[in-house]
Structure formats: structure tokens, C-alpha cells
């Protein structure tokens, strides 16, 4: 089974390789964004990275996206690796992208990482879902995103850890970087992941 540090490193490599092919995202209104992985939605980025991982290493060829949580059909896990009978990893992934394609701030992006309200489906509440779920195998939360001058990911990641430690048994942080991306705004970033162990903390 792939360990979490290797998974994080491979995710970063796959994101960089995908970006090198200059994929172009299109908005809901049909407007094409500038080439690069950066403007793609969270869900589409995860799918592109998962597909690239299969090409990089056959160990990733068994996976499913949007896996229903047992007993909670409306809730789905972003990415599961391995066999459905006994997943190697059940992973909730969130993107932290503080600026848009046009270089203007995305002021509501921190909600996707830090909100304590389940309806926001944040990385923080994903910790609760994973810790209390009956999904087989190991569980992890993964945050990927982009760093900008004066707007690095670190404060948000540290805040997430402080809040998550109060809710679940949060494992060690694992990190990998990517840079020299083709988009003029989303040029560099990092991926972070933590294993979630045990039940939610009372």
C-alpha cells in the first residue's frame, strides 16, 4: 500500500505533469480561462491528477471518485484508492486558491478549508466525516493549492491544524511542492495531507 508521504509527493508530480500539457478550463458560461491547471475546479483538478497518477505509477490504477459514505448516500468521499471491499485510502481533498484567473482575490475561499459548518463541506468538517465514517481502510484529508507573493498557504494550513486537532486525532503533516506552472497567476503551490485516525474527539 502507498504510504501518505509518497502519495503527497506523487500528487504534486502528477499536478505538475498535468499542468505541462496546458489544459484549459472553461467557465459555466463558456468562457475559456488561461491555459494551466490553476483555473480548473477542485473536482476537475482531482480527476485530472488521479488520471495522471495512473500513468505515472500502476499502484494508483485502482481508484474511485465520489464514493458514497456507508449509510449516508448524499455524502460522498472525494477519492478512494484500492478495492471497494477494503480501501487502502479514503481521501477528502480541498483546493485553496486565493486568487482567480484574473488575479483578483477569491475572498470566500477560506470557507472551503476552515468553516465549522457542515453545509460548507470544508476540510475541517471533512475530518469529522472521515473519523466517524464506516469507510474501510485508512483515511486522510488533503489540501492542495497555490502560493502567491504575500499570500502563502501557511496561515490557512496552520489554522486548519489548530482547529482540526480539537475535533479529531490528526496525524503528522506531509507536504510536497510544485512550481514553474504555466498559468500567469497560479504559478506555484503545495499539497498537504494528514491521516485521520479514530473517532471524533468529544
N, C-alpha and C. Protein backbone atom coordinates (compact mmCIF):
# COMPACT_ATOMS: atom_id res chain seq x y z
N UNK A 1 0.84 -1.20 0.00
CA UNK A 1 0.00 0.00 0.00
C UNK A 1 0.87 1.25 0.00
N UNK A 2 0.48 2.23 -0.76
CA UNK A 2 1.22 3.50 -0.83
C UNK A 2 1.09 4.23 0.50
N UNK A 3 2.22 4.73 1.02
CA UNK A 3 2.15 5.49 2.27
C UNK A 3 1.81 6.96 1.97
N UNK A 4 1.42 7.68 3.01
CA UNK A 4 0.93 9.04 2.79
C UNK A 4 2.01 10.00 2.29
N UNK A 5 3.24 9.97 2.81
CA UNK A 5 4.26 10.87 2.25
C UNK A 5 4.48 10.64 0.76
N UNK A 6 4.48 9.36 0.32
CA UNK A 6 4.66 9.08 -1.10
C UNK A 6 3.47 9.57 -1.91
N UNK A 7 2.27 9.39 -1.38
CA UNK A 7 1.07 9.84 -2.07
C UNK A 7 1.11 11.36 -2.28
N UNK A 8 1.52 12.09 -1.26
CA UNK A 8 1.61 13.55 -1.36
C UNK A 8 2.64 13.96 -2.41
N UNK A 9 3.80 13.31 -2.40
CA UNK A 9 4.83 13.63 -3.39
C UNK A 9 4.35 13.31 -4.80
N UNK A 10 3.67 12.17 -4.96
CA UNK A 10 3.19 11.78 -6.28
C UNK A 10 2.06 12.70 -6.75
N UNK A 11 1.21 13.16 -5.84
CA UNK A 11 0.15 14.10 -6.20
C UNK A 11 0.76 15.37 -6.78
N UNK A 12 1.81 15.88 -6.13
CA UNK A 12 2.47 17.09 -6.62
C UNK A 12 3.08 16.87 -8.00
N UNK A 13 3.71 15.73 -8.20
CA UNK A 13 4.30 15.41 -9.50
C UNK A 13 3.23 15.31 -10.58
N UNK A 14 2.12 14.63 -10.26
CA UNK A 14 1.05 14.46 -11.23
C UNK A 14 0.40 15.80 -11.58
N UNK A 15 0.25 16.68 -10.60
CA UNK A 15 -0.31 18.00 -10.88
C UNK A 15 0.60 18.78 -11.83
N UNK A 16 1.90 18.70 -11.58
CA UNK A 16 2.86 19.42 -12.43
C UNK A 16 2.85 18.85 -13.85
N UNK A 17 2.81 17.52 -13.97
CA UNK A 17 2.80 16.89 -15.29
C UNK A 17 1.52 17.24 -16.05
N UNK A 18 0.40 17.26 -15.35
CA UNK A 18 -0.86 17.64 -15.99
C UNK A 18 -0.80 19.07 -16.48
N UNK A 19 -0.27 19.95 -15.64
CA UNK A 19 -0.17 21.37 -15.99
C UNK A 19 0.69 21.57 -17.23
N UNK A 20 1.73 20.75 -17.40
CA UNK A 20 2.65 20.92 -18.53
C UNK A 20 1.95 20.71 -19.87
N UNK A 21 0.82 20.03 -19.88
CA UNK A 21 0.06 19.84 -21.12
C UNK A 21 -0.89 21.00 -21.39
N UNK A 22 -0.83 22.01 -20.55
CA UNK A 22 -1.58 23.25 -20.74
C UNK A 22 -3.09 23.02 -20.88
N UNK A 23 -3.70 22.30 -19.93
CA UNK A 23 -5.15 22.10 -20.01
C UNK A 23 -5.87 23.43 -19.84
N UNK A 24 -6.98 23.58 -20.51
CA UNK A 24 -7.69 24.86 -20.48
C UNK A 24 -9.10 24.65 -19.91
N UNK A 25 -9.37 25.28 -18.79
CA UNK A 25 -10.68 25.19 -18.15
C UNK A 25 -11.65 26.15 -18.83
N UNK A 26 -12.94 25.80 -18.75
CA UNK A 26 -14.00 26.62 -19.33
C UNK A 26 -15.03 26.90 -18.24
N UNK A 27 -15.46 28.15 -18.13
CA UNK A 27 -16.43 28.53 -17.10
C UNK A 27 -17.81 27.99 -17.45
N UNK A 28 -18.74 28.11 -16.50
CA UNK A 28 -20.11 27.64 -16.71
C UNK A 28 -20.82 28.43 -17.82
N UNK A 29 -20.30 29.62 -18.12
CA UNK A 29 -20.88 30.44 -19.20
C UNK A 29 -20.18 30.23 -20.54
N UNK A 30 -19.18 29.32 -20.55
CA UNK A 30 -18.49 29.02 -21.80
C UNK A 30 -17.23 29.82 -22.04
N UNK A 31 -16.84 30.66 -21.09
CA UNK A 31 -15.62 31.46 -21.26
C UNK A 31 -14.40 30.60 -20.95
N UNK A 32 -13.43 30.61 -21.86
CA UNK A 32 -12.20 29.85 -21.67
C UNK A 32 -11.23 30.63 -20.78
N UNK A 33 -10.71 29.95 -19.76
CA UNK A 33 -9.69 30.55 -18.91
C UNK A 33 -8.31 30.41 -19.56
N UNK A 34 -7.33 31.08 -18.98
CA UNK A 34 -5.97 30.96 -19.49
C UNK A 34 -5.46 29.53 -19.24
N UNK A 35 -4.61 29.01 -20.13
CA UNK A 35 -4.14 27.64 -20.00
C UNK A 35 -3.42 27.38 -18.68
N UNK A 36 -3.49 26.13 -18.22
CA UNK A 36 -2.84 25.71 -16.99
C UNK A 36 -3.83 25.02 -16.07
N UNK A 37 -3.32 24.27 -15.13
CA UNK A 37 -4.16 23.54 -14.19
C UNK A 37 -4.85 24.47 -13.19
N UNK A 38 -4.26 25.63 -12.93
CA UNK A 38 -4.72 26.51 -11.87
C UNK A 38 -6.19 26.90 -11.90
N UNK A 39 -6.78 27.27 -13.05
CA UNK A 39 -8.17 27.71 -13.06
C UNK A 39 -9.20 26.58 -12.97
N UNK A 40 -8.78 25.34 -13.06
CA UNK A 40 -9.74 24.23 -13.05
C UNK A 40 -10.43 24.12 -11.69
N UNK A 41 -11.65 23.62 -11.70
CA UNK A 41 -12.38 23.43 -10.45
C UNK A 41 -11.68 22.39 -9.60
N UNK A 42 -12.02 22.40 -8.33
CA UNK A 42 -11.47 21.40 -7.40
C UNK A 42 -11.74 19.99 -7.90
N UNK A 43 -12.99 19.70 -8.25
CA UNK A 43 -13.36 18.35 -8.67
C UNK A 43 -12.62 17.95 -9.94
N UNK A 44 -12.53 18.85 -10.90
CA UNK A 44 -11.86 18.53 -12.16
C UNK A 44 -10.36 18.35 -11.95
N UNK A 45 -9.76 19.16 -11.09
CA UNK A 45 -8.33 19.01 -10.80
C UNK A 45 -8.05 17.65 -10.18
N UNK A 46 -8.87 17.24 -9.23
CA UNK A 46 -8.68 15.93 -8.60
C UNK A 46 -8.78 14.83 -9.65
N UNK A 47 -9.75 14.93 -10.55
CA UNK A 47 -9.91 13.90 -11.59
C UNK A 47 -8.70 13.87 -12.51
N UNK A 48 -8.22 15.04 -12.94
CA UNK A 48 -7.05 15.08 -13.81
C UNK A 48 -5.81 14.51 -13.12
N UNK A 49 -5.62 14.84 -11.85
CA UNK A 49 -4.47 14.33 -11.11
C UNK A 49 -4.59 12.82 -10.92
N UNK A 50 -5.78 12.32 -10.59
CA UNK A 50 -5.97 10.88 -10.42
C UNK A 50 -5.65 10.13 -11.70
N UNK A 51 -6.07 10.67 -12.84
CA UNK A 51 -5.78 10.03 -14.13
C UNK A 51 -4.29 10.06 -14.42
N UNK A 52 -3.62 11.16 -14.10
CA UNK A 52 -2.18 11.27 -14.33
C UNK A 52 -1.41 10.31 -13.43
N UNK A 53 -1.87 10.11 -12.21
CA UNK A 53 -1.20 9.20 -11.29
C UNK A 53 -1.17 7.78 -11.84
N UNK A 54 -2.25 7.37 -12.49
CA UNK A 54 -2.29 6.03 -13.09
C UNK A 54 -1.19 5.89 -14.14
N UNK A 55 -0.98 6.94 -14.93
CA UNK A 55 0.06 6.91 -15.95
C UNK A 55 1.46 6.90 -15.33
N UNK A 56 1.60 7.54 -14.16
CA UNK A 56 2.91 7.62 -13.51
C UNK A 56 3.28 6.35 -12.76
N UNK A 57 2.27 5.68 -12.18
CA UNK A 57 2.54 4.52 -11.33
C UNK A 57 1.32 3.60 -11.33
N UNK A 58 1.46 2.36 -11.77
CA UNK A 58 0.33 1.42 -11.78
C UNK A 58 -0.29 1.19 -10.41
N UNK A 59 0.42 1.51 -9.35
CA UNK A 59 -0.13 1.33 -8.00
C UNK A 59 -1.38 2.18 -7.78
N UNK A 60 -1.59 3.20 -8.63
CA UNK A 60 -2.74 4.09 -8.48
C UNK A 60 -3.91 3.71 -9.40
N UNK A 61 -3.79 2.60 -10.13
CA UNK A 61 -4.80 2.32 -11.15
C UNK A 61 -6.15 1.92 -10.56
N UNK A 62 -6.16 1.42 -9.33
CA UNK A 62 -7.44 1.10 -8.70
C UNK A 62 -7.88 2.28 -7.83
N UNK A 63 -8.89 3.00 -8.30
CA UNK A 63 -9.40 4.12 -7.53
C UNK A 63 -10.84 4.41 -7.96
N UNK A 64 -11.55 5.14 -7.11
CA UNK A 64 -12.89 5.62 -7.42
C UNK A 64 -13.02 7.05 -6.91
N UNK A 65 -13.76 7.87 -7.65
CA UNK A 65 -14.06 9.23 -7.23
C UNK A 65 -15.52 9.30 -6.79
N UNK A 66 -15.81 10.22 -5.88
CA UNK A 66 -17.18 10.45 -5.40
C UNK A 66 -17.81 9.17 -4.86
N UNK A 67 -17.17 8.59 -3.87
CA UNK A 67 -17.62 7.32 -3.28
C UNK A 67 -18.63 7.60 -2.17
N UNK A 68 -19.84 7.01 -2.22
CA UNK A 68 -20.83 7.25 -1.16
C UNK A 68 -20.33 6.75 0.19
N UNK A 69 -20.60 7.54 1.22
CA UNK A 69 -20.32 7.08 2.58
C UNK A 69 -21.36 6.04 2.97
N UNK A 70 -20.96 4.94 3.62
CA UNK A 70 -21.93 3.94 4.05
C UNK A 70 -22.99 4.55 4.97
N UNK A 71 -24.25 4.31 4.65
CA UNK A 71 -25.34 4.82 5.48
C UNK A 71 -25.63 6.28 5.31
N UNK A 72 -24.94 6.95 4.39
CA UNK A 72 -25.17 8.39 4.16
C UNK A 72 -25.03 8.66 2.68
N UNK A 73 -26.03 8.26 1.91
CA UNK A 73 -25.92 8.24 0.46
C UNK A 73 -25.70 9.63 -0.15
N UNK A 74 -26.10 10.68 0.55
CA UNK A 74 -25.90 12.03 -0.01
C UNK A 74 -24.49 12.55 0.21
N UNK A 75 -23.75 11.92 1.10
CA UNK A 75 -22.37 12.33 1.36
C UNK A 75 -21.43 11.43 0.57
N UNK A 76 -20.45 12.05 -0.06
CA UNK A 76 -19.53 11.28 -0.88
C UNK A 76 -18.08 11.65 -0.55
N UNK A 77 -17.23 10.66 -0.61
CA UNK A 77 -15.79 10.86 -0.38
C UNK A 77 -15.12 11.15 -1.71
N UNK A 78 -14.25 12.15 -1.74
CA UNK A 78 -13.68 12.63 -2.99
C UNK A 78 -12.92 11.57 -3.77
N UNK A 79 -12.08 10.79 -3.06
CA UNK A 79 -11.12 9.94 -3.78
C UNK A 79 -10.75 8.76 -2.90
N UNK A 80 -11.03 7.54 -3.38
CA UNK A 80 -10.67 6.33 -2.65
C UNK A 80 -9.73 5.50 -3.50
N UNK A 81 -8.66 5.02 -2.89
CA UNK A 81 -7.65 4.20 -3.57
C UNK A 81 -7.76 2.76 -3.12
N UNK A 82 -7.65 1.83 -4.08
CA UNK A 82 -7.69 0.42 -3.76
C UNK A 82 -9.00 -0.22 -4.15
N UNK A 83 -9.36 -1.26 -3.43
CA UNK A 83 -10.57 -2.03 -3.72
C UNK A 83 -11.74 -1.55 -2.88
N UNK A 84 -12.95 -1.49 -3.45
CA UNK A 84 -14.12 -1.06 -2.68
C UNK A 84 -14.40 -1.92 -1.45
N UNK A 85 -13.98 -3.18 -1.47
CA UNK A 85 -14.21 -4.05 -0.31
C UNK A 85 -13.32 -3.68 0.86
N UNK A 86 -12.19 -3.06 0.57
CA UNK A 86 -11.27 -2.64 1.63
C UNK A 86 -10.33 -1.58 1.07
N UNK A 87 -10.80 -0.33 1.06
CA UNK A 87 -9.99 0.76 0.51
C UNK A 87 -8.64 0.84 1.20
N UNK A 88 -7.59 1.13 0.42
CA UNK A 88 -6.30 1.45 1.03
C UNK A 88 -6.38 2.82 1.70
N UNK A 89 -6.94 3.79 0.97
CA UNK A 89 -7.09 5.15 1.48
C UNK A 89 -8.45 5.71 1.06
N UNK A 90 -9.11 6.38 1.98
CA UNK A 90 -10.28 7.21 1.70
C UNK A 90 -9.84 8.65 1.95
N UNK A 91 -9.88 9.48 0.91
CA UNK A 91 -9.28 10.82 0.97
C UNK A 91 -10.30 11.89 0.63
N UNK A 92 -10.41 12.86 1.51
CA UNK A 92 -11.17 14.08 1.22
C UNK A 92 -10.17 15.16 0.81
N UNK A 93 -10.38 15.77 -0.34
CA UNK A 93 -9.44 16.75 -0.87
C UNK A 93 -10.10 18.11 -1.03
N UNK A 94 -9.39 19.14 -0.68
CA UNK A 94 -9.88 20.51 -0.84
C UNK A 94 -8.81 21.37 -1.50
N UNK A 95 -9.27 22.28 -2.35
CA UNK A 95 -8.37 23.21 -3.02
C UNK A 95 -8.39 24.57 -2.31
N UNK A 96 -7.21 25.16 -2.14
CA UNK A 96 -7.08 26.50 -1.57
C UNK A 96 -6.46 27.39 -2.64
N UNK A 97 -7.30 28.17 -3.29
CA UNK A 97 -6.87 29.04 -4.39
C UNK A 97 -7.35 30.46 -4.08
N UNK A 98 -6.45 31.27 -3.57
CA UNK A 98 -6.81 32.57 -3.02
C UNK A 98 -7.01 33.66 -4.08
N UNK A 99 -6.66 33.37 -5.33
CA UNK A 99 -6.84 34.34 -6.41
C UNK A 99 -7.50 33.66 -7.60
N UNK A 100 -8.17 34.45 -8.42
CA UNK A 100 -8.82 33.94 -9.62
C UNK A 100 -7.94 34.02 -10.84
N UNK A 101 -8.48 33.57 -11.95
CA UNK A 101 -7.77 33.59 -13.23
C UNK A 101 -7.33 35.00 -13.60
N UNK A 102 -8.10 36.00 -13.17
CA UNK A 102 -7.80 37.39 -13.48
C UNK A 102 -6.89 38.07 -12.46
N UNK A 103 -6.42 37.32 -11.48
CA UNK A 103 -5.53 37.87 -10.48
C UNK A 103 -6.21 38.59 -9.34
N UNK A 104 -7.55 38.56 -9.29
CA UNK A 104 -8.28 39.19 -8.20
C UNK A 104 -8.52 38.19 -7.07
N UNK A 105 -8.59 38.66 -5.80
CA UNK A 105 -8.75 37.75 -4.67
C UNK A 105 -10.08 37.00 -4.70
N UNK A 106 -10.01 35.72 -4.26
CA UNK A 106 -11.20 34.91 -4.02
C UNK A 106 -11.50 34.99 -2.52
N UNK A 107 -12.32 35.94 -2.12
CA UNK A 107 -12.49 36.23 -0.70
C UNK A 107 -13.19 35.12 0.08
N UNK A 108 -13.94 34.25 -0.57
CA UNK A 108 -14.66 33.21 0.16
C UNK A 108 -13.93 31.88 0.20
N UNK A 109 -12.70 31.82 -0.30
CA UNK A 109 -12.01 30.55 -0.44
C UNK A 109 -11.68 29.90 0.91
N UNK A 110 -11.40 30.70 1.93
CA UNK A 110 -11.06 30.11 3.24
C UNK A 110 -12.21 29.31 3.83
N UNK A 111 -13.43 29.62 3.43
CA UNK A 111 -14.58 28.86 3.90
C UNK A 111 -14.43 27.39 3.53
N UNK A 112 -13.84 27.11 2.37
CA UNK A 112 -13.68 25.73 1.91
C UNK A 112 -12.71 24.93 2.76
N UNK A 113 -11.91 25.63 3.54
CA UNK A 113 -10.92 24.94 4.38
C UNK A 113 -11.29 25.00 5.86
N UNK A 114 -11.77 26.15 6.34
CA UNK A 114 -11.87 26.39 7.78
C UNK A 114 -13.27 26.44 8.35
N UNK A 115 -14.30 26.46 7.53
CA UNK A 115 -15.66 26.61 8.09
C UNK A 115 -16.02 25.43 9.00
N UNK A 116 -16.62 25.72 10.18
CA UNK A 116 -17.05 24.66 11.08
C UNK A 116 -18.46 24.15 10.77
N UNK A 117 -19.10 24.72 9.74
CA UNK A 117 -20.49 24.38 9.43
C UNK A 117 -20.55 23.29 8.36
N UNK A 118 -21.21 22.16 8.64
CA UNK A 118 -21.23 21.04 7.70
C UNK A 118 -21.72 21.39 6.30
N UNK A 119 -22.67 22.34 6.19
CA UNK A 119 -23.20 22.69 4.87
C UNK A 119 -22.13 23.29 3.96
N UNK A 120 -21.05 23.81 4.53
CA UNK A 120 -19.98 24.36 3.72
C UNK A 120 -19.04 23.29 3.18
N UNK A 121 -19.14 22.08 3.74
CA UNK A 121 -18.32 20.94 3.29
C UNK A 121 -16.84 21.31 3.22
N UNK A 122 -16.33 21.83 4.31
CA UNK A 122 -14.94 22.28 4.38
C UNK A 122 -14.00 21.13 4.72
N UNK A 123 -12.70 21.40 4.61
CA UNK A 123 -11.71 20.42 5.05
C UNK A 123 -11.88 20.09 6.52
N UNK A 124 -12.27 21.09 7.31
CA UNK A 124 -12.46 20.88 8.75
C UNK A 124 -13.59 19.90 9.02
N UNK A 125 -14.74 20.09 8.40
CA UNK A 125 -15.85 19.17 8.62
C UNK A 125 -15.63 17.83 7.92
N UNK A 126 -14.78 17.82 6.89
CA UNK A 126 -14.39 16.54 6.28
C UNK A 126 -13.69 15.65 7.30
N UNK A 127 -12.92 16.26 8.20
CA UNK A 127 -12.27 15.48 9.25
C UNK A 127 -13.30 14.70 10.07
N UNK A 128 -14.38 15.38 10.44
CA UNK A 128 -15.44 14.73 11.21
C UNK A 128 -16.07 13.58 10.42
N UNK A 129 -16.37 13.83 9.15
CA UNK A 129 -16.98 12.80 8.32
C UNK A 129 -16.10 11.55 8.23
N UNK A 130 -14.83 11.75 7.98
CA UNK A 130 -13.93 10.62 7.86
C UNK A 130 -13.79 9.86 9.18
N UNK A 131 -13.62 10.61 10.26
CA UNK A 131 -13.39 9.97 11.56
C UNK A 131 -14.57 9.13 12.02
N UNK A 132 -15.77 9.54 11.67
CA UNK A 132 -16.97 8.84 12.13
C UNK A 132 -17.53 7.87 11.09
N UNK A 133 -16.91 7.81 9.91
CA UNK A 133 -17.47 7.01 8.83
C UNK A 133 -17.11 5.53 8.98
N UNK A 134 -17.89 4.70 8.27
CA UNK A 134 -17.63 3.26 8.23
C UNK A 134 -16.85 2.86 6.98
N UNK A 135 -16.28 3.85 6.27
CA UNK A 135 -15.46 3.51 5.12
C UNK A 135 -14.27 2.66 5.57
N UNK A 136 -14.01 1.53 4.89
CA UNK A 136 -12.87 0.70 5.30
C UNK A 136 -11.54 1.33 4.90
N UNK A 137 -10.48 0.95 5.57
CA UNK A 137 -9.15 1.42 5.23
C UNK A 137 -8.75 2.68 5.98
N UNK A 138 -7.58 3.20 5.63
CA UNK A 138 -7.06 4.40 6.27
C UNK A 138 -7.70 5.63 5.65
N UNK A 139 -7.68 6.73 6.40
CA UNK A 139 -8.39 7.94 5.98
C UNK A 139 -7.45 9.15 6.07
N UNK A 140 -7.64 10.09 5.16
CA UNK A 140 -6.77 11.27 5.15
C UNK A 140 -7.51 12.47 4.58
N UNK A 141 -7.10 13.65 5.04
CA UNK A 141 -7.54 14.92 4.45
C UNK A 141 -6.36 15.50 3.70
N UNK A 142 -6.62 15.97 2.48
CA UNK A 142 -5.58 16.52 1.62
C UNK A 142 -6.01 17.93 1.19
N UNK A 143 -5.11 18.87 1.33
CA UNK A 143 -5.34 20.24 0.87
C UNK A 143 -4.27 20.58 -0.15
N UNK A 144 -4.69 21.00 -1.34
CA UNK A 144 -3.73 21.42 -2.36
C UNK A 144 -4.11 22.83 -2.80
N UNK A 145 -3.14 23.55 -3.30
CA UNK A 145 -3.47 24.91 -3.72
C UNK A 145 -2.25 25.65 -4.21
N UNK A 146 -2.34 26.97 -4.14
CA UNK A 146 -1.36 27.83 -4.79
C UNK A 146 -0.86 28.90 -3.82
N UNK A 147 0.42 29.17 -3.93
CA UNK A 147 1.06 30.23 -3.15
C UNK A 147 1.26 31.45 -4.05
N UNK A 148 1.10 32.63 -3.44
CA UNK A 148 1.30 33.89 -4.15
C UNK A 148 2.15 34.80 -3.26
N UNK A 149 2.82 35.73 -3.83
CA UNK A 149 3.65 36.64 -3.04
C UNK A 149 2.77 37.36 -2.01
N UNK A 150 3.09 37.18 -0.75
CA UNK A 150 2.33 37.80 0.33
C UNK A 150 1.04 37.07 0.68
N UNK A 151 0.74 36.01 -0.04
CA UNK A 151 -0.49 35.24 0.19
C UNK A 151 -0.18 33.74 0.14
N UNK A 152 0.77 33.32 0.98
CA UNK A 152 1.14 31.92 1.02
C UNK A 152 0.05 31.10 1.75
N UNK A 153 0.06 29.81 1.55
CA UNK A 153 -0.94 28.93 2.14
C UNK A 153 -0.74 28.70 3.63
N UNK A 154 0.45 28.98 4.15
CA UNK A 154 0.81 28.59 5.51
C UNK A 154 -0.17 29.04 6.60
N UNK A 155 -0.61 30.31 6.64
CA UNK A 155 -1.53 30.69 7.73
C UNK A 155 -2.82 29.88 7.73
N UNK A 156 -3.36 29.60 6.55
CA UNK A 156 -4.59 28.81 6.48
C UNK A 156 -4.36 27.38 6.92
N UNK A 157 -3.22 26.82 6.54
CA UNK A 157 -2.91 25.44 6.92
C UNK A 157 -2.70 25.32 8.43
N UNK A 158 -1.99 26.27 9.00
CA UNK A 158 -1.77 26.27 10.46
C UNK A 158 -3.10 26.42 11.20
N UNK A 159 -3.98 27.30 10.70
CA UNK A 159 -5.29 27.47 11.32
C UNK A 159 -6.11 26.19 11.22
N UNK A 160 -6.06 25.53 10.06
CA UNK A 160 -6.77 24.25 9.90
C UNK A 160 -6.27 23.24 10.93
N UNK A 161 -4.97 23.12 11.08
CA UNK A 161 -4.42 22.15 12.03
C UNK A 161 -4.88 22.45 13.45
N UNK A 162 -4.85 23.72 13.84
CA UNK A 162 -5.25 24.09 15.20
C UNK A 162 -6.70 23.71 15.46
N UNK A 163 -7.57 23.93 14.48
CA UNK A 163 -8.98 23.60 14.65
C UNK A 163 -9.22 22.09 14.56
N UNK A 164 -8.55 21.44 13.61
CA UNK A 164 -8.77 20.00 13.41
C UNK A 164 -8.28 19.19 14.60
N UNK A 165 -7.19 19.62 15.24
CA UNK A 165 -6.66 18.89 16.40
C UNK A 165 -7.68 18.86 17.55
N UNK A 166 -8.58 19.82 17.59
CA UNK A 166 -9.60 19.87 18.64
C UNK A 166 -10.78 18.96 18.33
N UNK A 167 -10.85 18.45 17.08
CA UNK A 167 -12.02 17.67 16.66
C UNK A 167 -11.71 16.20 16.42
N UNK A 168 -10.50 15.91 15.91
CA UNK A 168 -10.15 14.53 15.56
C UNK A 168 -8.69 14.25 15.93
N UNK A 169 -8.33 13.00 15.82
CA UNK A 169 -6.94 12.59 16.01
C UNK A 169 -6.22 12.82 14.68
N UNK A 170 -5.57 13.98 14.56
CA UNK A 170 -4.92 14.41 13.32
C UNK A 170 -3.46 13.98 13.32
N UNK A 171 -3.06 13.26 12.28
CA UNK A 171 -1.69 12.79 12.18
C UNK A 171 -0.72 13.88 11.77
N UNK A 172 0.52 13.49 11.50
CA UNK A 172 1.56 14.43 11.12
C UNK A 172 1.27 15.04 9.74
N UNK A 173 1.76 16.24 9.55
CA UNK A 173 1.62 16.93 8.26
C UNK A 173 2.66 16.40 7.27
N UNK A 174 2.22 16.13 6.04
CA UNK A 174 3.11 15.74 4.95
C UNK A 174 2.93 16.75 3.83
N UNK A 175 4.04 17.20 3.24
CA UNK A 175 3.99 18.30 2.28
C UNK A 175 4.85 18.02 1.07
N UNK A 176 4.41 18.50 -0.09
CA UNK A 176 5.22 18.49 -1.31
C UNK A 176 4.91 19.77 -2.08
N UNK A 177 5.85 20.19 -2.91
CA UNK A 177 5.70 21.45 -3.64
C UNK A 177 5.65 21.21 -5.14
N UNK A 178 5.11 22.20 -5.85
CA UNK A 178 5.18 22.22 -7.31
C UNK A 178 5.36 23.67 -7.73
N UNK A 179 6.06 23.88 -8.81
CA UNK A 179 6.32 25.24 -9.27
C UNK A 179 6.50 25.23 -10.79
N UNK A 180 6.83 26.40 -11.34
CA UNK A 180 7.01 26.58 -12.78
C UNK A 180 5.75 26.13 -13.55
N UNK A 181 4.58 26.42 -12.97
CA UNK A 181 3.34 26.12 -13.67
C UNK A 181 3.10 27.16 -14.75
N UNK A 182 2.27 26.83 -15.74
CA UNK A 182 2.18 27.67 -16.94
C UNK A 182 1.25 28.87 -16.77
N UNK A 183 0.31 28.82 -15.83
CA UNK A 183 -0.64 29.92 -15.68
C UNK A 183 0.06 31.16 -15.11
N UNK A 184 -0.22 32.35 -15.59
CA UNK A 184 0.49 33.54 -15.11
C UNK A 184 0.18 33.92 -13.67
N UNK A 185 -0.96 33.47 -13.12
CA UNK A 185 -1.32 33.77 -11.73
C UNK A 185 -1.00 32.59 -10.82
N UNK A 186 -1.42 31.40 -11.22
CA UNK A 186 -1.24 30.19 -10.40
C UNK A 186 0.05 29.49 -10.83
N UNK A 187 1.18 29.99 -10.36
CA UNK A 187 2.48 29.52 -10.85
C UNK A 187 3.17 28.52 -9.93
N UNK A 188 2.79 28.49 -8.67
CA UNK A 188 3.46 27.59 -7.72
C UNK A 188 2.49 27.26 -6.60
N UNK A 189 2.75 26.15 -5.93
CA UNK A 189 1.87 25.77 -4.84
C UNK A 189 2.38 24.57 -4.09
N UNK A 190 1.51 24.04 -3.24
CA UNK A 190 1.88 22.89 -2.41
C UNK A 190 0.68 22.00 -2.18
N UNK A 191 0.98 20.77 -1.77
CA UNK A 191 -0.05 19.84 -1.35
C UNK A 191 0.31 19.39 0.07
N UNK A 192 -0.71 19.32 0.92
CA UNK A 192 -0.57 18.92 2.32
C UNK A 192 -1.53 17.77 2.59
N UNK A 193 -1.15 16.86 3.47
CA UNK A 193 -2.08 15.80 3.85
C UNK A 193 -1.79 15.33 5.26
N UNK A 194 -2.87 14.87 5.92
CA UNK A 194 -2.81 14.37 7.29
C UNK A 194 -3.67 13.11 7.38
N UNK A 195 -3.19 12.11 8.06
CA UNK A 195 -4.03 10.94 8.29
C UNK A 195 -5.01 11.25 9.44
N UNK A 196 -6.22 10.77 9.29
CA UNK A 196 -7.24 10.91 10.33
C UNK A 196 -7.42 9.55 10.99
N UNK A 197 -7.21 9.48 12.29
CA UNK A 197 -7.30 8.21 13.00
C UNK A 197 -8.35 8.30 14.11
N UNK A 198 -9.07 7.22 14.31
CA UNK A 198 -10.01 7.14 15.43
C UNK A 198 -11.27 7.95 15.21
N UNK A 199 -12.05 8.07 16.24
CA UNK A 199 -13.34 8.75 16.20
C UNK A 199 -13.18 10.23 16.52
N UNK A 200 -14.19 11.04 16.20
CA UNK A 200 -14.15 12.45 16.59
C UNK A 200 -13.92 12.61 18.09
N UNK A 201 -13.19 13.65 18.44
CA UNK A 201 -12.91 13.92 19.85
C UNK A 201 -14.11 14.61 20.48
N UNK A 202 -14.53 14.14 21.63
CA UNK A 202 -15.68 14.75 22.33
C UNK A 202 -15.30 16.11 22.92
